[in-house]
Amino acid sequence: MEFFDKAFQQAADGKEEVSLSLIGGSLKKMMPKFKVKRYGCKTLGKLYERLERYELVMTEKGVASAVRMKGRTVRQE
């Protein structure tokens, strides 16, 4: 699963929360033939949800918009 960790780190650029679209872009650059369904998931969010060290960040409507490392809290500015 190191590809998924590397994609998260590249897309994060120092941020704690990373949008799923940025992670998807990083994955496509590393693995041009990447397809989330090959990993048994319908969405990239579901794939990252299955990885133990990540959690989804949901919008008010209950849609996954971003990913962050588990145990990290977002700082209020």
PDB file of N, CA and C in Angstrom:
ATOM      1  N   MET A   1       0.813  -1.206   0.000  1.00  0.00           N
ATOM      2  CA  MET A   1       0.000   0.000   0.000  1.00  0.00           C
ATOM      3  C   MET A   1       0.851   1.263   0.000  1.00  0.00           C
ATOM      4  N   GLU A   2       2.135   1.128  -0.228  1.00  0.00           N
ATOM      5  CA  GLU A   2       2.990   2.304  -0.175  1.00  0.00           C
ATOM      6  C   GLU A   2       2.663   3.323  -1.259  1.00  0.00           C
ATOM      7  N   PHE A   3       2.071   2.894  -2.389  1.00  0.00           N
ATOM      8  CA  PHE A   3       1.663   3.851  -3.418  1.00  0.00           C
ATOM      9  C   PHE A   3       0.634   4.829  -2.860  1.00  0.00           C
ATOM     10  N   PHE A   4      -0.273   4.336  -2.045  1.00  0.00           N
ATOM     11  CA  PHE A   4      -1.330   5.184  -1.495  1.00  0.00           C
ATOM     12  C   PHE A   4      -0.767   6.162  -0.466  1.00  0.00           C
ATOM     13  N   ASP A   5       0.210   5.710   0.312  1.00  0.00           N
ATOM     14  CA  ASP A   5       0.878   6.605   1.261  1.00  0.00           C
ATOM     15  C   ASP A   5       1.653   7.692   0.517  1.00  0.00           C
ATOM     16  N   LYS A   6       2.362   7.296  -0.522  1.00  0.00           N
ATOM     17  CA  LYS A   6       3.158   8.255  -1.292  1.00  0.00           C
ATOM     18  C   LYS A   6       2.251   9.272  -1.990  1.00  0.00           C
ATOM     19  N   ALA A   7       1.135   8.811  -2.545  1.00  0.00           N
ATOM     20  CA  ALA A   7       0.191   9.723  -3.205  1.00  0.00           C
ATOM     21  C   ALA A   7      -0.364  10.727  -2.208  1.00  0.00           C
ATOM     22  N   PHE A   8      -0.676  10.262  -1.002  1.00  0.00           N
ATOM     23  CA  PHE A   8      -1.179  11.161   0.040  1.00  0.00           C
ATOM     24  C   PHE A   8      -0.122  12.211   0.376  1.00  0.00           C
ATOM     25  N   GLN A   9       1.105  11.782   0.577  1.00  0.00           N
ATOM     26  CA  GLN A   9       2.184  12.702   0.950  1.00  0.00           C
ATOM     27  C   GLN A   9       2.454  13.731  -0.143  1.00  0.00           C
ATOM     28  N   GLN A  10       2.460  13.285  -1.395  1.00  0.00           N
ATOM     29  CA  GLN A  10       2.701  14.212  -2.503  1.00  0.00           C
ATOM     30  C   GLN A  10       1.588  15.246  -2.606  1.00  0.00           C
ATOM     31  N   ALA A  11       0.356  14.797  -2.467  1.00  0.00           N
ATOM     32  CA  ALA A  11      -0.788  15.704  -2.595  1.00  0.00           C
ATOM     33  C   ALA A  11      -0.928  16.612  -1.372  1.00  0.00           C
ATOM     34  N   ALA A  12      -0.471  16.150  -0.216  1.00  0.00           N
ATOM     35  CA  ALA A  12      -0.657  16.908   1.028  1.00  0.00           C
ATOM     36  C   ALA A  12       0.091  18.228   1.025  1.00  0.00           C
ATOM     37  N   ASP A  13       1.315  18.239   0.555  1.00  0.00           N
ATOM     38  CA  ASP A  13       2.118  19.465   0.507  1.00  0.00           C
ATOM     39  C   ASP A  13       2.091  20.191   1.849  1.00  0.00           C
ATOM     40  N   GLY A  14       2.223  19.404   2.930  1.00  0.00           N
ATOM     41  CA  GLY A  14       2.267  19.983   4.273  1.00  0.00           C
ATOM     42  C   GLY A  14       0.918  20.159   4.950  1.00  0.00           C
ATOM     43  N   LYS A  15      -0.164  19.882   4.262  1.00  0.00           N
ATOM     44  CA  LYS A  15      -1.500  20.036   4.845  1.00  0.00           C
ATOM     45  C   LYS A  15      -1.920  18.744   5.538  1.00  0.00           C
ATOM     46  N   GLU A  16      -2.805  18.868   6.523  1.00  0.00           N
ATOM     47  CA  GLU A  16      -3.291  17.686   7.241  1.00  0.00           C
ATOM     48  C   GLU A  16      -4.414  16.993   6.483  1.00  0.00           C
ATOM     49  N   GLU A  17      -5.262  17.772   5.812  1.00  0.00           N
ATOM     50  CA  GLU A  17      -6.359  17.211   5.022  1.00  0.00           C
ATOM     51  C   GLU A  17      -6.045  17.390   3.546  1.00  0.00           C
ATOM     52  N   VAL A  18      -6.308  16.344   2.774  1.00  0.00           N
ATOM     53  CA  VAL A  18      -5.998  16.370   1.348  1.00  0.00           C
ATOM     54  C   VAL A  18      -7.243  15.969   0.570  1.00  0.00           C
ATOM     55  N   SER A  19      -7.587  16.755  -0.445  1.00  0.00           N
ATOM     56  CA  SER A  19      -8.776  16.437  -1.233  1.00  0.00           C
ATOM     57  C   SER A  19      -8.552  15.140  -2.008  1.00  0.00           C
ATOM     58  N   LEU A  20      -9.626  14.403  -2.175  1.00  0.00           N
ATOM     59  CA  LEU A  20      -9.547  13.139  -2.896  1.00  0.00           C
ATOM     60  C   LEU A  20      -9.127  13.355  -4.345  1.00  0.00           C
ATOM     61  N   SER A  21      -9.512  14.476  -4.936  1.00  0.00           N
ATOM     62  CA  SER A  21      -9.130  14.731  -6.330  1.00  0.00           C
ATOM     63  C   SER A  21      -7.617  14.920  -6.463  1.00  0.00           C
ATOM     64  N   LEU A  22      -6.985  15.573  -5.493  1.00  0.00           N
ATOM     65  CA  LEU A  22      -5.528  15.735  -5.535  1.00  0.00           C
ATOM     66  C   LEU A  22      -4.817  14.395  -5.362  1.00  0.00           C
ATOM     67  N   ILE A  23      -5.338  13.570  -4.466  1.00  0.00           N
ATOM     68  CA  ILE A  23      -4.752  12.237  -4.265  1.00  0.00           C
ATOM     69  C   ILE A  23      -4.905  11.415  -5.541  1.00  0.00           C
ATOM     70  N   GLY A  24      -6.080  11.483  -6.145  1.00  0.00           N
ATOM     71  CA  GLY A  24      -6.313  10.758  -7.397  1.00  0.00           C
ATOM     72  C   GLY A  24      -5.349  11.193  -8.487  1.00  0.00           C
ATOM     73  N   GLY A  25      -5.086  12.491  -8.571  1.00  0.00           N
ATOM     74  CA  GLY A  25      -4.130  13.000  -9.549  1.00  0.00           C
ATOM     75  C   GLY A  25      -2.726  12.470  -9.304  1.00  0.00           C
ATOM     76  N   SER A  26      -2.331  12.419  -8.045  1.00  0.00           N
ATOM     77  CA  SER A  26      -1.009  11.878  -7.697  1.00  0.00           C
ATOM     78  C   SER A  26      -0.908  10.403  -8.056  1.00  0.00           C
ATOM     79  N   LEU A  27      -1.966   9.655  -7.776  1.00  0.00           N
ATOM     80  CA  LEU A  27      -1.968   8.226  -8.111  1.00  0.00           C
ATOM     81  C   LEU A  27      -1.857   8.020  -9.615  1.00  0.00           C
ATOM     82  N   LYS A  28      -2.564   8.833 -10.398  1.00  0.00           N
ATOM     83  CA  LYS A  28      -2.523   8.707 -11.861  1.00  0.00           C
ATOM     84  C   LYS A  28      -1.135   9.029 -12.407  1.00  0.00           C
ATOM     85  N   LYS A  29      -0.439   9.983 -11.779  1.00  0.00           N
ATOM     86  CA  LYS A  29       0.921  10.306 -12.219  1.00  0.00           C
ATOM     87  C   LYS A  29       1.874   9.152 -11.937  1.00  0.00           C
ATOM     88  N   MET A  30       1.708   8.518 -10.774  1.00  0.00           N
ATOM     89  CA  MET A  30       2.587   7.406 -10.406  1.00  0.00           C
ATOM     90  C   MET A  30       2.240   6.134 -11.164  1.00  0.00           C
ATOM     91  N   MET A  31       0.938   5.902 -11.340  1.00  0.00           N
ATOM     92  CA  MET A  31       0.458   4.682 -11.995  1.00  0.00           C
ATOM     93  C   MET A  31      -0.597   5.089 -13.028  1.00  0.00           C
ATOM     94  N   PRO A  32      -0.183   5.405 -14.263  1.00  0.00           N
ATOM     95  CA  PRO A  32      -1.129   5.900 -15.268  1.00  0.00           C
ATOM     96  C   PRO A  32      -2.340   4.993 -15.509  1.00  0.00           C
ATOM     97  N   LYS A  33      -2.200   3.718 -15.275  1.00  0.00           N
ATOM     98  CA  LYS A  33      -3.320   2.792 -15.501  1.00  0.00           C
ATOM     99  C   LYS A  33      -4.100   2.498 -14.226  1.00  0.00           C
ATOM    100  N   PHE A  34      -3.925   3.325 -13.196  1.00  0.00           N
ATOM    101  CA  PHE A  34      -4.610   3.115 -11.917  1.00  0.00           C
ATOM    102  C   PHE A  34      -6.122   3.149 -12.092  1.00  0.00           C
ATOM    103  N   LYS A  35      -6.782   2.154 -11.535  1.00  0.00           N
ATOM    104  CA  LYS A  35      -8.244   2.078 -11.496  1.00  0.00           C
ATOM    105  C   LYS A  35      -8.633   1.643 -10.086  1.00  0.00           C
ATOM    106  N   VAL A  36      -9.450   2.438  -9.422  1.00  0.00           N
ATOM    107  CA  VAL A  36      -9.839   2.147  -8.042  1.00  0.00           C
ATOM    108  C   VAL A  36     -10.593   0.815  -7.945  1.00  0.00           C
ATOM    109  N   LYS A  37     -11.330   0.462  -8.979  1.00  0.00           N
ATOM    110  CA  LYS A  37     -12.111  -0.783  -8.952  1.00  0.00           C
ATOM    111  C   LYS A  37     -11.223  -2.022  -8.907  1.00  0.00           C
ATOM    112  N   ARG A  38      -9.993  -1.908  -9.358  1.00  0.00           N
ATOM    113  CA  ARG A  38      -9.056  -3.043  -9.276  1.00  0.00           C
ATOM    114  C   ARG A  38      -8.720  -3.390  -7.831  1.00  0.00           C
ATOM    115  N   TYR A  39      -8.996  -2.468  -6.927  1.00  0.00           N
ATOM    116  CA  TYR A  39      -8.727  -2.678  -5.504  1.00  0.00           C
ATOM    117  C   TYR A  39     -10.005  -3.011  -4.736  1.00  0.00           C
ATOM    118  N   GLY A  40     -11.073  -3.332  -5.478  1.00  0.00           N
ATOM    119  CA  GLY A  40     -12.312  -3.778  -4.857  1.00  0.00           C
ATOM    120  C   GLY A  40     -13.183  -2.682  -4.274  1.00  0.00           C
ATOM    121  N   CYS A  41     -12.995  -1.444  -4.719  1.00  0.00           N
ATOM    122  CA  CYS A  41     -13.781  -0.320  -4.202  1.00  0.00           C
ATOM    123  C   CYS A  41     -14.422   0.444  -5.357  1.00  0.00           C
ATOM    124  N   LYS A  42     -15.544   1.079  -5.059  1.00  0.00           N
ATOM    125  CA  LYS A  42     -16.215   1.883  -6.077  1.00  0.00           C
ATOM    126  C   LYS A  42     -15.646   3.290  -6.163  1.00  0.00           C
ATOM    127  N   THR A  43     -15.114   3.790  -5.064  1.00  0.00           N
ATOM    128  CA  THR A  43     -14.592   5.157  -5.042  1.00  0.00           C
ATOM    129  C   THR A  43     -13.229   5.201  -4.358  1.00  0.00           C
ATOM    130  N   LEU A  44     -12.495   6.260  -4.649  1.00  0.00           N
ATOM    131  CA  LEU A  44     -11.200   6.453  -4.001  1.00  0.00           C
ATOM    132  C   LEU A  44     -11.378   6.672  -2.502  1.00  0.00           C
ATOM    133  N   GLY A  45     -12.453   7.338  -2.125  1.00  0.00           N
ATOM    134  CA  GLY A  45     -12.742   7.544  -0.708  1.00  0.00           C
ATOM    135  C   GLY A  45     -12.915   6.225   0.032  1.00  0.00           C
ATOM    136  N   LYS A  46     -13.642   5.301  -0.567  1.00  0.00           N
ATOM    137  CA  LYS A  46     -13.836   3.983   0.060  1.00  0.00           C
ATOM    138  C   LYS A  46     -12.512   3.230   0.174  1.00  0.00           C
ATOM    139  N   LEU A  47     -11.662   3.394  -0.821  1.00  0.00           N
ATOM    140  CA  LEU A  47     -10.355   2.739  -0.777  1.00  0.00           C
ATOM    141  C   LEU A  47      -9.522   3.269   0.389  1.00  0.00           C
ATOM    142  N   TYR A  48      -9.467   4.586   0.546  1.00  0.00           N
ATOM    143  CA  TYR A  48      -8.696   5.160   1.655  1.00  0.00           C
ATOM    144  C   TYR A  48      -9.349   4.857   3.003  1.00  0.00           C
ATOM    145  N   GLU A  49     -10.648   4.700   3.020  1.00  0.00           N
ATOM    146  CA  GLU A  49     -11.342   4.337   4.258  1.00  0.00           C
ATOM    147  C   GLU A  49     -10.912   2.940   4.719  1.00  0.00           C
ATOM    148  N   ARG A  50     -10.618   2.062   3.789  1.00  0.00           N
ATOM    149  CA  ARG A  50     -10.187   0.701   4.121  1.00  0.00           C
ATOM    150  C   ARG A  50      -8.755   0.650   4.649  1.00  0.00           C
ATOM    151  N   LEU A  51      -7.963   1.655   4.329  1.00  0.00           N
ATOM    152  CA  LEU A  51      -6.585   1.697   4.820  1.00  0.00           C
ATOM    153  C   LEU A  51      -6.606   2.149   6.274  1.00  0.00           C
ATOM    154  N   GLU A  52      -5.950   1.435   7.133  1.00  0.00           N
ATOM    155  CA  GLU A  52      -6.056   1.643   8.579  1.00  0.00           C
ATOM    156  C   GLU A  52      -5.590   3.007   9.066  1.00  0.00           C
ATOM    157  N   ARG A  53      -4.658   3.626   8.393  1.00  0.00           N
ATOM    158  CA  ARG A  53      -4.088   4.868   8.928  1.00  0.00           C
ATOM    159  C   ARG A  53      -4.791   6.138   8.468  1.00  0.00           C
ATOM    160  N   TYR A  54      -5.816   6.003   7.626  1.00  0.00           N
ATOM    161  CA  TYR A  54      -6.508   7.185   7.103  1.00  0.00           C
ATOM    162  C   TYR A  54      -7.972   7.217   7.519  1.00  0.00           C
ATOM    163  N   GLU A  55      -8.535   8.426   7.513  1.00  0.00           N
ATOM    164  CA  GLU A  55      -9.968   8.584   7.738  1.00  0.00           C
ATOM    165  C   GLU A  55     -10.491   9.631   6.767  1.00  0.00           C
ATOM    166  N   LEU A  56     -11.766   9.509   6.429  1.00  0.00           N
ATOM    167  CA  LEU A  56     -12.387  10.435   5.493  1.00  0.00           C
ATOM    168  C   LEU A  56     -12.870  11.680   6.209  1.00  0.00           C
ATOM    169  N   VAL A  57     -12.831  12.790   5.505  1.00  0.00           N
ATOM    170  CA  VAL A  57     -13.392  14.046   5.984  1.00  0.00           C
ATOM    171  C   VAL A  57     -14.671  14.250   5.184  1.00  0.00           C
ATOM    172  N   MET A  58     -15.789  14.331   5.883  1.00  0.00           N
ATOM    173  CA  MET A  58     -17.092  14.405   5.220  1.00  0.00           C
ATOM    174  C   MET A  58     -17.592  15.847   5.134  1.00  0.00           C
ATOM    175  N   THR A  59     -18.358  16.119   4.079  1.00  0.00           N
ATOM    176  CA  THR A  59     -19.018  17.416   3.954  1.00  0.00           C
ATOM    177  C   THR A  59     -20.280  17.394   4.802  1.00  0.00           C
ATOM    178  N   GLU A  60     -20.973  18.522   4.870  1.00  0.00           N
ATOM    179  CA  GLU A  60     -22.228  18.586   5.626  1.00  0.00           C
ATOM    180  C   GLU A  60     -23.273  17.633   5.060  1.00  0.00           C
ATOM    181  N   LYS A  61     -23.179  17.328   3.776  1.00  0.00           N
ATOM    182  CA  LYS A  61     -24.138  16.429   3.127  1.00  0.00           C
ATOM    183  C   LYS A  61     -23.747  14.960   3.260  1.00  0.00           C
ATOM    184  N   GLY A  62     -22.665  14.692   3.977  1.00  0.00           N
ATOM    185  CA  GLY A  62     -22.246  13.314   4.201  1.00  0.00           C
ATOM    186  C   GLY A  62     -21.434  12.711   3.072  1.00  0.00           C
ATOM    187  N   VAL A  63     -20.862  13.554   2.235  1.00  0.00           N
ATOM    188  CA  VAL A  63     -20.053  13.093   1.112  1.00  0.00           C
ATOM    189  C   VAL A  63     -18.576  13.239   1.479  1.00  0.00           C
ATOM    190  N   ALA A  64     -17.796  12.225   1.158  1.00  0.00           N
ATOM    191  CA  ALA A  64     -16.356  12.288   1.440  1.00  0.00           C
ATOM    192  C   ALA A  64     -15.702  13.297   0.504  1.00  0.00           C
ATOM    193  N   SER A  65     -14.988  14.255   1.082  1.00  0.00           N
ATOM    194  CA  SER A  65     -14.340  15.281   0.264  1.00  0.00           C
ATOM    195  C   SER A  65     -12.822  15.254   0.380  1.00  0.00           C
ATOM    196  N   ALA A  66     -12.329  14.715   1.480  1.00  0.00           N
ATOM    197  CA  ALA A  66     -10.886  14.730   1.725  1.00  0.00           C
ATOM    198  C   ALA A  66     -10.501  13.558   2.621  1.00  0.00           C
ATOM    199  N   VAL A  67      -9.198  13.397   2.794  1.00  0.00           N
ATOM    200  CA  VAL A  67      -8.637  12.330   3.621  1.00  0.00           C
ATOM    201  C   VAL A  67      -7.622  12.962   4.565  1.00  0.00           C
ATOM    202  N   ARG A  68      -7.505  12.406   5.767  1.00  0.00           N
ATOM    203  CA  ARG A  68      -6.455  12.818   6.700  1.00  0.00           C
ATOM    204  C   ARG A  68      -5.974  11.584   7.448  1.00  0.00           C
ATOM    205  N   MET A  69      -4.804  11.723   8.047  1.00  0.00           N
ATOM    206  CA  MET A  69      -4.262  10.637   8.860  1.00  0.00           C
ATOM    207  C   MET A  69      -5.111  10.515  10.114  1.00  0.00           C
ATOM    208  N   LYS A  70      -5.365   9.303  10.554  1.00  0.00           N
ATOM    209  CA  LYS A  70      -6.133   9.105  11.786  1.00  0.00           C
ATOM    210  C   LYS A  70      -5.378   9.698  12.961  1.00  0.00           C
ATOM    211  N   GLY A  71      -6.145  10.220  13.905  1.00  0.00           N
ATOM    212  CA  GLY A  71      -5.550  10.776  15.104  1.00  0.00           C
ATOM    213  C   GLY A  71      -5.130  12.223  14.968  1.00  0.00           C
ATOM    214  N   ARG A  72      -5.268  12.776  13.789  1.00  0.00           N
ATOM    215  CA  ARG A  72      -4.915  14.186  13.586  1.00  0.00           C
ATOM    216  C   ARG A  72      -6.177  15.025  13.691  1.00  0.00           C
ATOM    217  N   THR A  73      -6.089  16.131  14.359  1.00  0.00           N
ATOM    218  CA  THR A  73      -7.222  17.045  14.448  1.00  0.00           C
ATOM    219  C   THR A  73      -6.914  18.283  13.635  1.00  0.00           C
ATOM    220  N   VAL A  74      -7.944  18.871  13.113  1.00  0.00           N
ATOM    221  CA  VAL A  74      -7.778  20.069  12.300  1.00  0.00           C
ATOM    222  C   VAL A  74      -7.703  21.271  13.214  1.00  0.00           C
ATOM    223  N   ARG A  75      -6.699  22.093  13.013  1.00  0.00           N
ATOM    224  CA  ARG A  75      -6.545  23.301  13.821  1.00  0.00           C
ATOM    225  C   ARG A  75      -7.493  24.374  13.320  1.00  0.00           C
ATOM    226  N   GLN A  76      -8.187  25.005  14.251  1.00  0.00           N
ATOM    227  CA  GLN A  76      -9.068  26.119  13.911  1.00  0.00           C
ATOM    228  C   GLN A  76      -8.242  27.390  13.878  1.00  0.00           C
ATOM    229  N   GLU A  77      -8.376  28.161  12.803  1.00  0.00           N
ATOM    230  CA  GLU A  77      -7.612  29.409  12.695  1.00  0.00           C
ATOM    231  C   GLU A  77      -8.479  30.594  12.986  1.00  0.00           C
TER     232      GLU A  77
END
